[in-house]
Amino acid sequence: MSKEIRLNAFDMNCVGHQSPGLWAHPRDQSWRYKDLSYWTELAQLLERGKFDGLFIADVLGTYDVYQGSADAAIRQAAQVPVNDPVLLVSAMAHVTQHLGFGLTCSLSYEHPYPFARRMSTLDHLTQGRIGWNIVTSYLDSAARNVGLPTQASHDDRYALAEEYLEVCYKLWEGSWEDDAVVRDTQRRVFTEPAKVHPIGHAGKFFNVPGIHLCEPSPQRTPVLYQAGASKRGKDFAAQHAECIFIAAPSKFILKNFVTDIRARAESFGRNPAEILIFNLHTVITGRTHDEARAKHADYRSYASDEGALALMSGWTGIDLSKYGLDDPLTHVDSNAVQSAVEALSTADPNRVWTVREIAQWGGIGGLGPLSVGSAEEIADDLQAWVEETGVDGFNLAYALTHESFTDFVDLVVPLLQARGVYKTDYAPGTLREKLQGGSARLTAPHPGATYRVANTTAAPN
């Protein structure tokens, strides 16, 4: 039986996410990002298409590497203006029953104690449909705006991330026993104090002595997403992530990544099959091949090279304005998104990217691949990516919103379902249960499960 394809929609609480310049297209709706109805309509559309989740990106800071200024990003709306993603979820959860929500929240600039409460609150309000994309941030502009001279080094950010997760695991898994909340009106006891435990954490970066502020939520720990693809990032993901997001521009890179991450997971004692890997992918489709190609040409006429280079410069940490348009990009050590540099400089064994090609590539869909064709061609292509690389599914970016998602739901989803490679209905339960089956909570050998507190004393009569 063919492998089931998993799908997230990829969006951001901003105007220009992965396709800079297309906000100017007359049918694009991304300018409505600040209206709640934009998000509730999107959530209902995705649930109609049986998407596993909506993966919401975020960034703190502006893309100011290109030309040493944020002007290009501001002018082209390249991920600025950008609003907080967390505040969107409650409304979208209210109008859906199954759709999951993967939130990007940086751990570099917020203490884990209030953050853990925020995630538990969302897990309660969504009835267990929340996930957390663990990021450490990559823009120096973000560090400066919270009072730091620069961001920490790449590996130092992951050292902090390890302890950050330890604190969160202790709060989510180890503070409240499952039966701590008794709601005993006769004894006038809502929670048994003996079943709520201070975590007593004293570490290098954080000191958190007290209890978690929230009673146990359906999943306790949200589903853990991770998007780092450097060597250090892959080790971190192999230990902690349940879903991994990569932006591999070629099957060559993606297959190597999938093989590598599954081997790393096994070396850490985890079942590699329990880690779902999603690749960034953008789809432009139509009822026929010619209609899709015409749509692509129309979209391409609105793409902004300036906006694309502003984004690419931020992702790689390389000011691409210092190079000629036909200069090749070779590997450069960077403190930004190291995986972006590695992917672009080694995407294919015989290809060297020029700056001009990078701008054109990033104009629609960012770092990931772009598929253009009829619904049949798109279905064939996505199946080929899964079969040839071992990837589990895709984070689908849009060219136009909501048009790109509507086209996919109306045209491609029914074909994938007819071929038996895409679900026709949701599994019951929380987001973790829908994705993995089994328990709503982390289970061994995941490291977070080791912090799970056992039930102790029985409640008094």
Protein backbone atom coordinates (compact mmCIF):
# COMPACT_ATOMS: atom_id res chain seq x y z
CA MET A 1 0.00 0.00 0.00
CA SER A 2 1.28 3.46 -0.88
CA LYS A 3 2.42 5.76 1.89
CA GLU A 4 -0.12 8.34 3.10
CA ILE A 5 0.95 11.87 2.21
CA ARG A 6 0.83 14.38 5.06
CA LEU A 7 0.05 18.05 4.43
CA ASN A 8 0.40 21.31 6.29
CA ALA A 9 -0.43 24.71 4.88
CA PHE A 10 2.42 27.18 5.38
CA ASP A 11 1.51 30.76 6.20
CA MET A 12 2.63 33.67 8.36
CA ASN A 13 0.79 36.51 10.06
CA CYS A 14 2.07 38.99 7.49
CA VAL A 15 1.64 40.16 3.89
CA GLY A 16 4.63 38.77 1.99
CA HIS A 17 5.54 35.35 3.32
CA GLN A 18 7.38 33.15 0.77
CA SER A 19 6.41 34.88 -2.48
CA PRO A 20 7.52 38.53 -2.22
CA GLY A 21 5.76 40.92 -4.55
CA LEU A 22 2.68 38.81 -5.17
CA TRP A 23 0.72 40.87 -2.65
CA ALA A 24 0.24 43.28 -5.58
CA HIS A 25 -1.71 40.71 -7.60
CA PRO A 26 -5.37 41.76 -7.81
CA ARG A 27 -6.63 38.38 -6.55
CA ASP A 28 -4.23 38.05 -3.62
CA GLN A 29 -5.83 38.38 -0.19
CA SER A 30 -2.74 38.50 2.01
CA TRP A 31 -3.36 42.17 2.79
CA ARG A 32 -6.28 40.90 4.90
CA TYR A 33 -3.85 39.17 7.29
CA LYS A 34 -4.86 41.58 10.05
CA ASP A 35 -8.56 40.60 9.77
CA LEU A 36 -9.69 37.62 11.84
CA SER A 37 -11.99 36.47 9.04
CA TYR A 38 -8.95 35.89 6.80
CA TRP A 39 -7.73 33.26 9.23
CA THR A 40 -11.06 31.63 10.06
CA GLU A 41 -11.83 31.29 6.33
CA LEU A 42 -8.41 29.75 5.76
CA ALA A 43 -8.83 27.30 8.64
CA GLN A 44 -12.21 26.12 7.34
CA LEU A 45 -10.80 25.73 3.82
CA LEU A 46 -7.89 23.63 5.07
CA GLU A 47 -10.15 21.43 7.18
CA ARG A 48 -12.33 20.87 4.12
CA GLY A 49 -9.16 19.69 2.39
CA LYS A 50 -8.30 17.38 5.33
CA PHE A 51 -4.95 19.13 5.94
CA ASP A 52 -3.14 17.89 9.02
CA GLY A 53 -2.39 21.39 10.14
CA LEU A 54 -1.67 25.03 9.52
CA PHE A 55 2.02 25.68 10.12
CA ILE A 56 2.44 29.36 11.01
CA ALA A 57 5.90 30.83 10.59
CA ASP A 58 7.17 33.81 12.56
CA VAL A 59 10.24 35.98 12.82
CA LEU A 60 11.34 38.61 15.31
CA GLY A 61 13.24 41.41 13.65
CA THR A 62 13.52 42.57 10.07
CA TYR A 63 15.50 41.39 7.06
CA ASP A 64 18.20 44.05 7.09
CA VAL A 65 21.20 42.14 5.70
CA TYR A 66 20.54 43.06 2.05
CA GLN A 67 22.23 46.41 1.31
CA GLY A 68 22.78 46.75 5.07
CA SER A 69 19.25 48.05 5.54
CA ALA A 70 15.67 46.91 6.08
CA ASP A 71 14.45 49.26 3.34
CA ALA A 72 14.07 46.57 0.65
CA ALA A 73 12.12 44.28 2.99
CA ILE A 74 9.90 47.13 4.16
CA ARG A 75 9.27 48.36 0.61
CA GLN A 76 8.39 44.88 -0.67
CA ALA A 77 6.52 43.70 2.48
CA ALA A 78 9.00 40.83 2.82
CA GLN A 79 7.74 39.42 6.14
CA VAL A 80 7.17 42.93 7.49
CA PRO A 81 4.73 44.13 8.74
CA VAL A 82 4.28 40.95 10.78
CA ASN A 83 1.89 40.25 13.65
CA ASP A 84 2.01 37.73 16.48
CA PRO A 85 0.90 34.23 15.37
CA VAL A 86 -0.27 32.97 18.77
CA LEU A 87 -3.32 35.22 18.93
CA LEU A 88 -4.81 33.67 15.78
CA VAL A 89 -5.26 30.16 17.05
CA SER A 90 -8.27 30.39 19.36
CA ALA A 91 -10.52 31.85 16.67
CA MET A 92 -9.43 29.27 14.08
CA ALA A 93 -9.90 26.43 16.55
CA HIS A 94 -13.41 27.69 17.30
CA VAL A 95 -14.51 27.25 13.66
CA THR A 96 -12.84 23.84 13.13
CA GLN A 97 -12.84 20.46 14.82
CA HIS A 98 -9.73 18.66 13.59
CA LEU A 99 -7.19 21.03 12.04
CA GLY A 100 -3.91 21.23 13.94
CA PHE A 101 -1.91 24.42 14.52
CA GLY A 102 1.88 24.46 14.46
CA LEU A 103 3.10 27.72 15.99
CA THR A 104 6.57 29.11 15.47
CA CYS A 105 7.75 30.64 18.75
CA SER A 106 11.36 31.60 19.37
CA LEU A 107 12.84 30.49 22.67
CA SER A 108 15.70 33.00 22.48
CA TYR A 109 13.77 36.00 23.75
CA GLU A 110 11.11 34.67 26.13
CA HIS A 111 11.48 32.94 29.48
CA PRO A 112 10.15 29.35 29.46
CA TYR A 113 7.88 29.85 32.49
CA PRO A 114 5.29 32.18 30.84
CA PHE A 115 5.76 30.45 27.50
CA ALA A 116 4.85 27.04 28.95
CA ARG A 117 1.64 28.54 30.34
CA ARG A 118 0.76 30.03 26.94
CA MET A 119 1.12 26.66 25.20
CA SER A 120 -0.88 24.84 27.86
CA THR A 121 -3.63 27.43 27.54
CA LEU A 122 -3.79 26.88 23.78
CA ASP A 123 -3.73 23.11 24.21
CA HIS A 124 -6.78 23.44 26.46
CA LEU A 125 -8.62 25.84 24.15
CA THR A 126 -7.97 23.73 21.04
CA GLN A 127 -8.72 20.44 22.84
CA GLY A 128 -5.25 19.19 22.11
CA ARG A 129 -4.58 20.50 18.60
CA ILE A 130 -1.52 22.64 19.25
CA GLY A 131 2.06 22.16 18.14
CA TRP A 132 5.20 24.20 18.73
CA ASN A 133 7.82 24.84 16.07
CA ILE A 134 10.98 25.24 18.16
CA VAL A 135 13.22 27.96 16.76
CA THR A 136 16.18 29.85 18.20
CA SER A 137 15.91 32.87 15.84
CA TYR A 138 18.49 33.90 13.27
CA LEU A 139 18.29 37.67 12.74
CA ASP A 140 20.69 40.02 14.52
CA SER A 141 18.02 42.71 14.26
CA ALA A 142 15.82 40.71 16.63
CA ALA A 143 18.62 40.43 19.20
CA ARG A 144 19.34 44.15 19.04
CA ASN A 145 15.70 45.03 19.65
CA VAL A 146 15.62 43.09 22.92
CA GLY A 147 18.77 44.76 24.15
CA LEU A 148 21.48 42.33 23.02
CA PRO A 149 24.45 43.41 20.87
CA THR A 150 24.02 40.39 18.59
CA GLN A 151 22.46 36.94 18.62
CA ALA A 152 24.32 34.11 20.30
CA SER A 153 26.39 31.82 18.12
CA HIS A 154 24.56 29.06 16.27
CA ASP A 155 25.67 26.24 18.59
CA ASP A 156 25.23 28.34 21.74
CA ARG A 157 21.60 28.93 20.76
CA TYR A 158 21.07 25.17 20.68
CA ALA A 159 22.70 24.77 24.11
CA LEU A 160 20.15 27.22 25.47
CA ALA A 161 17.41 25.37 23.60
CA GLU A 162 18.28 22.09 25.33
CA GLU A 163 17.81 23.63 28.77
CA TYR A 164 14.73 25.55 27.65
CA LEU A 165 13.09 22.29 26.65
CA GLU A 166 14.15 20.66 29.91
CA VAL A 167 12.33 23.39 31.85
CA CYS A 168 9.24 23.04 29.65
CA TYR A 169 9.20 19.26 29.99
CA LYS A 170 9.40 19.57 33.76
CA LEU A 171 6.51 22.04 33.79
CA TRP A 172 4.29 20.23 31.29
CA GLU A 173 5.02 16.64 32.28
CA GLY A 174 6.35 16.68 35.81
CA SER A 175 4.54 19.29 37.85
CA TRP A 176 0.91 18.14 38.00
CA GLU A 177 -0.13 14.53 38.49
CA ASP A 178 -2.90 13.28 36.22
CA ASP A 179 -5.44 13.18 39.03
CA ALA A 180 -4.36 16.35 40.84
CA VAL A 181 -7.58 18.18 39.93
CA VAL A 182 -10.44 16.58 41.87
CA ARG A 183 -13.15 19.30 41.83
CA ASP A 184 -14.48 17.93 45.11
CA THR A 185 -17.37 20.20 46.10
CA GLN A 186 -18.09 18.25 49.27
CA ARG A 187 -14.60 18.75 50.70
CA ARG A 188 -14.27 22.15 48.95
CA VAL A 189 -11.02 21.02 47.32
CA PHE A 190 -10.47 21.81 43.67
CA THR A 191 -6.86 20.54 43.44
CA GLU A 192 -4.95 18.23 45.80
CA PRO A 193 -1.83 20.21 46.83
CA ALA A 194 0.16 17.00 47.42
CA LYS A 195 -0.24 16.14 43.75
CA VAL A 196 1.20 19.41 42.42
CA HIS A 197 4.99 19.55 42.51
CA PRO A 198 7.49 22.40 42.26
CA ILE A 199 10.00 21.56 39.53
CA GLY A 200 13.04 22.96 41.38
CA HIS A 201 15.00 23.69 38.23
CA ALA A 202 18.39 25.38 38.68
CA GLY A 203 20.46 25.49 35.52
CA LYS A 204 22.98 27.49 33.54
CA PHE A 205 20.40 29.69 31.82
CA PHE A 206 17.22 29.38 33.90
CA ASN A 207 16.11 29.05 37.50
CA VAL A 208 12.50 27.92 37.88
CA PRO A 209 11.69 26.68 41.39
CA GLY A 210 7.89 26.61 41.33
CA ILE A 211 4.91 24.74 39.94
CA HIS A 212 3.39 24.95 36.49
CA LEU A 213 0.44 27.35 36.54
CA CYS A 214 -1.87 25.22 34.39
CA GLU A 215 -3.71 22.01 35.12
CA PRO A 216 -2.84 19.15 32.75
CA SER A 217 -3.90 19.83 29.16
CA PRO A 218 -4.93 17.12 26.67
CA GLN A 219 -1.43 16.66 25.23
CA ARG A 220 0.58 18.14 28.10
CA THR A 221 3.54 18.79 25.81
CA PRO A 222 2.43 20.23 22.43
CA VAL A 223 3.45 18.34 19.31
CA LEU A 224 7.08 19.33 18.76
CA TYR A 225 8.10 20.65 15.36
CA GLN A 226 11.66 21.64 14.49
CA ALA A 227 13.14 23.24 11.40
CA GLY A 228 16.90 23.28 11.95
CA ALA A 229 18.86 21.39 9.31
CA SER A 230 22.46 22.20 10.22
CA LYS A 231 24.47 19.41 11.84
CA ARG A 232 23.69 20.75 15.31
CA GLY A 233 20.07 21.33 14.37
CA LYS A 234 19.67 17.79 13.05
CA ASP A 235 21.02 16.31 16.29
CA PHE A 236 18.57 18.45 18.24
CA ALA A 237 15.69 17.43 15.98
CA ALA A 238 16.61 13.75 16.11
CA GLN A 239 16.37 13.86 19.91
CA HIS A 240 13.27 16.01 20.39
CA ALA A 241 11.20 16.63 17.24
CA GLU A 242 8.08 14.73 16.33
CA CYS A 243 7.72 16.62 13.04
CA ILE A 244 10.62 18.15 11.12
CA PHE A 245 10.32 20.89 8.54
CA ILE A 246 12.99 21.21 5.83
CA ALA A 247 13.25 23.44 2.76
CA ALA A 248 15.23 21.20 0.41
CA PRO A 249 15.26 22.55 -3.16
CA SER A 250 16.01 19.16 -4.75
CA LYS A 251 15.23 15.47 -4.28
CA PHE A 252 18.96 14.85 -3.96
CA ILE A 253 19.23 17.06 -0.87
CA LEU A 254 15.92 15.88 0.58
CA LYS A 255 16.70 12.17 0.28
CA ASN A 256 20.07 12.67 2.00
CA PHE A 257 18.39 14.67 4.77
CA VAL A 258 15.68 12.06 5.37
CA THR A 259 18.23 9.24 5.49
CA ASP A 260 20.50 11.21 7.81
CA ILE A 261 17.81 12.34 10.26
CA ARG A 262 16.32 8.86 10.59
CA ALA A 263 19.77 7.38 11.28
CA ARG A 264 20.42 10.08 13.89
CA ALA A 265 17.06 9.41 15.56
CA GLU A 266 17.87 5.71 15.80
CA SER A 267 21.26 6.53 17.34
CA PHE A 268 19.42 8.45 20.08
CA GLY A 269 17.22 5.43 20.79
CA ARG A 270 14.12 6.72 19.04
CA ASN A 271 11.97 4.97 16.45
CA PRO A 272 12.77 6.90 13.25
CA ALA A 273 9.39 6.01 11.77
CA GLU A 274 7.73 8.13 14.47
CA ILE A 275 9.35 11.33 13.15
CA LEU A 276 7.36 12.91 10.33
CA ILE A 277 9.39 14.97 7.85
CA PHE A 278 7.74 17.72 5.80
CA ASN A 279 9.43 19.52 2.91
CA LEU A 280 8.54 23.03 1.82
CA HIS A 281 6.76 22.93 -1.53
CA THR A 282 4.76 25.40 -3.58
CA VAL A 283 2.10 24.26 -6.03
CA ILE A 284 0.51 26.18 -8.88
CA THR A 285 -2.22 24.12 -10.50
CA GLY A 286 -5.17 24.41 -12.85
CA ARG A 287 -7.70 22.29 -14.66
CA THR A 288 -5.21 21.75 -17.48
CA HIS A 289 -1.47 21.96 -18.02
CA ASP A 290 -1.83 25.10 -20.11
CA GLU A 291 -4.05 26.80 -17.55
CA ALA A 292 -1.48 26.12 -14.81
CA ARG A 293 1.39 27.43 -16.96
CA ALA A 294 -0.54 30.59 -17.78
CA LYS A 295 -1.28 31.09 -14.09
CA HIS A 296 2.41 30.68 -13.28
CA ALA A 297 3.40 33.24 -15.92
CA ASP A 298 0.83 35.65 -14.51
CA TYR A 299 2.13 35.18 -10.97
CA ARG A 300 5.76 35.48 -12.08
CA SER A 301 5.08 38.93 -13.53
CA TYR A 302 4.36 40.18 -9.99
CA ALA A 303 7.33 38.52 -8.25
CA SER A 304 9.87 40.91 -6.71
CA ASP A 305 13.57 40.15 -7.19
CA GLU A 306 14.38 42.81 -4.60
CA GLY A 307 12.08 41.20 -2.06
CA ALA A 308 13.45 37.75 -2.82
CA LEU A 309 17.05 38.90 -2.33
CA ALA A 310 16.11 40.63 0.93
CA LEU A 311 14.70 37.35 2.23
CA MET A 312 17.55 35.22 0.90
CA SER A 313 20.14 37.58 2.39
CA GLY A 314 18.44 37.31 5.78
CA TRP A 315 18.17 33.52 5.61
CA THR A 316 21.80 33.02 4.58
CA GLY A 317 23.39 35.92 6.46
CA ILE A 318 25.05 36.96 3.18
CA ASP A 319 24.48 40.43 1.72
CA LEU A 320 23.71 39.39 -1.84
CA SER A 321 23.82 43.02 -2.98
CA LYS A 322 27.63 42.80 -2.82
CA TYR A 323 27.69 40.30 -5.68
CA GLY A 324 26.90 40.70 -9.34
CA LEU A 325 23.70 39.08 -10.54
CA ASP A 326 25.69 36.45 -12.45
CA ASP A 327 28.20 35.74 -9.68
CA PRO A 328 28.04 32.19 -8.24
CA LEU A 329 27.08 31.51 -4.64
CA THR A 330 29.61 29.27 -2.92
CA HIS A 331 29.50 27.95 0.62
CA VAL A 332 29.99 30.68 3.22
CA ASP A 333 30.03 30.13 6.97
CA SER A 334 27.09 32.01 8.45
CA ASN A 335 25.52 32.56 11.84
CA ALA A 336 22.04 32.76 10.31
CA VAL A 337 20.18 29.80 8.83
CA GLN A 338 23.11 27.50 8.11
CA SER A 339 20.87 25.01 6.33
CA ALA A 340 19.91 27.68 3.78
CA VAL A 341 23.53 28.22 2.85
CA GLU A 342 24.20 24.49 2.65
CA ALA A 343 21.07 23.77 0.61
CA LEU A 344 21.64 26.51 -1.94
CA SER A 345 25.35 25.86 -2.36
CA THR A 346 25.01 22.06 -2.68
CA ALA A 347 21.47 21.57 -3.97
CA ASP A 348 22.64 19.46 -6.91
CA PRO A 349 26.08 17.95 -7.36
CA ASN A 350 26.68 19.66 -10.70
CA ARG A 351 24.94 22.99 -10.18
CA VAL A 352 26.28 26.32 -8.94
CA TRP A 353 23.68 28.98 -8.24
CA THR A 354 24.09 32.55 -9.39
CA VAL A 355 22.58 35.47 -7.51
CA ARG A 356 20.15 36.04 -10.39
CA GLU A 357 18.94 32.43 -10.17
CA ILE A 358 18.56 32.73 -6.41
CA ALA A 359 16.33 35.78 -6.86
CA GLN A 360 14.20 34.01 -9.45
CA TRP A 361 14.00 30.83 -7.38
CA GLY A 362 12.95 32.72 -4.24
CA GLY A 363 10.39 34.87 -6.03
CA ILE A 364 7.69 32.22 -5.68
CA GLY A 365 7.85 29.81 -2.77
CA GLY A 366 11.09 30.79 -1.05
CA LEU A 367 13.76 28.13 -0.66
CA GLY A 368 11.62 25.13 -1.56
CA PRO A 369 10.74 23.58 -4.93
CA LEU A 370 7.88 24.77 -7.13
CA SER A 371 5.55 22.45 -9.06
CA VAL A 372 3.40 23.80 -11.89
CA GLY A 373 0.90 21.68 -13.79
CA SER A 374 -2.53 20.11 -13.99
CA ALA A 375 -3.94 18.35 -10.96
CA GLU A 376 -2.80 15.02 -12.41
CA GLU A 377 0.72 16.33 -12.94
CA ILE A 378 0.86 17.76 -9.42
CA ALA A 379 -0.37 14.52 -7.87
CA ASP A 380 2.22 12.57 -9.87
CA ASP A 381 4.96 14.98 -8.80
CA LEU A 382 4.13 14.93 -5.08
CA GLN A 383 3.93 11.14 -5.10
CA ALA A 384 7.31 10.98 -6.82
CA TRP A 385 8.89 13.22 -4.17
CA VAL A 386 7.55 10.91 -1.43
CA GLU A 387 8.54 7.68 -3.17
CA GLU A 388 12.03 8.83 -4.21
CA THR A 389 13.06 10.60 -1.00
CA GLY A 390 11.15 8.94 1.85
CA VAL A 391 9.70 12.28 2.98
CA ASP A 392 6.35 12.04 4.76
CA GLY A 393 4.66 15.10 3.35
CA PHE A 394 4.78 18.78 2.55
CA ASN A 395 4.42 22.22 4.04
CA LEU A 396 2.60 23.85 1.16
CA ALA A 397 3.40 27.52 0.68
CA TYR A 398 1.18 29.74 -1.42
CA ALA A 399 1.76 31.97 -4.42
CA LEU A 400 -1.59 33.72 -3.96
CA THR A 401 -3.72 33.34 -0.86
CA HIS A 402 -6.23 31.88 -0.52
CA GLU A 403 -6.24 31.00 -4.22
CA SER A 404 -3.31 28.57 -4.09
CA PHE A 405 -4.87 26.61 -1.23
CA THR A 406 -8.34 26.65 -2.81
CA ASP A 407 -6.96 25.29 -6.09
CA PHE A 408 -5.12 22.53 -4.25
CA VAL A 409 -8.13 21.53 -2.14
CA ASP A 410 -10.54 21.56 -5.07
CA LEU A 411 -8.31 19.99 -7.73
CA VAL A 412 -5.47 17.97 -6.21
CA VAL A 413 -6.89 16.59 -2.96
CA PRO A 414 -9.67 14.55 -4.65
CA LEU A 415 -7.09 12.94 -6.95
CA LEU A 416 -4.77 12.03 -4.09
CA GLN A 417 -7.73 10.57 -2.21
CA ALA A 418 -8.84 8.55 -5.24
CA ARG A 419 -5.30 7.15 -5.50
CA GLY A 420 -5.41 6.04 -1.87
CA VAL A 421 -2.46 8.20 -0.78
CA TYR A 422 -4.38 10.84 1.18
CA LYS A 423 -6.91 10.54 3.95
CA THR A 424 -10.62 10.90 3.30
CA ASP A 425 -11.35 11.71 6.94
CA TYR A 426 -9.53 12.67 10.10
CA ALA A 427 -8.53 10.20 12.78
CA PRO A 428 -10.05 10.93 16.20
CA GLY A 429 -8.19 12.50 19.09
CA THR A 430 -5.56 15.15 19.62
CA LEU A 431 -3.09 16.41 17.03
CA ARG A 432 -0.48 13.93 18.29
CA GLU A 433 -2.97 11.05 18.01
CA LYS A 434 -4.00 12.13 14.51
CA LEU A 435 -0.38 12.29 13.36
CA GLN A 436 1.07 9.32 15.19
CA GLY A 437 -1.74 7.20 16.55
CA GLY A 438 -1.34 5.87 20.07
CA SER A 439 -1.12 8.21 23.04
CA ALA A 440 -2.10 11.85 23.26
CA ARG A 441 1.06 12.35 25.32
CA LEU A 442 4.75 11.89 24.78
CA THR A 443 5.83 8.31 25.37
CA ALA A 444 9.21 6.62 25.88
CA PRO A 445 11.81 6.73 24.46
CA HIS A 446 11.13 10.41 23.75
CA PRO A 447 13.25 12.38 26.26
CA GLY A 448 10.27 14.48 27.33
CA ALA A 449 8.51 11.37 28.61
CA THR A 450 11.23 10.83 31.22
CA TYR A 451 9.95 13.88 33.12
CA ARG A 452 6.45 12.47 33.44
CA VAL A 453 5.35 12.42 37.08
CA ALA A 454 3.68 9.32 38.46
CA ASN A 455 0.46 9.46 40.42
CA THR A 456 1.29 9.15 44.11
CA THR A 457 -1.13 9.37 46.97
CA ALA A 458 -4.84 8.70 46.73
CA ALA A 459 -7.19 11.56 47.51
CA PRO A 460 -8.47 11.52 51.09
CA ASN A 461 -12.04 10.47 51.73
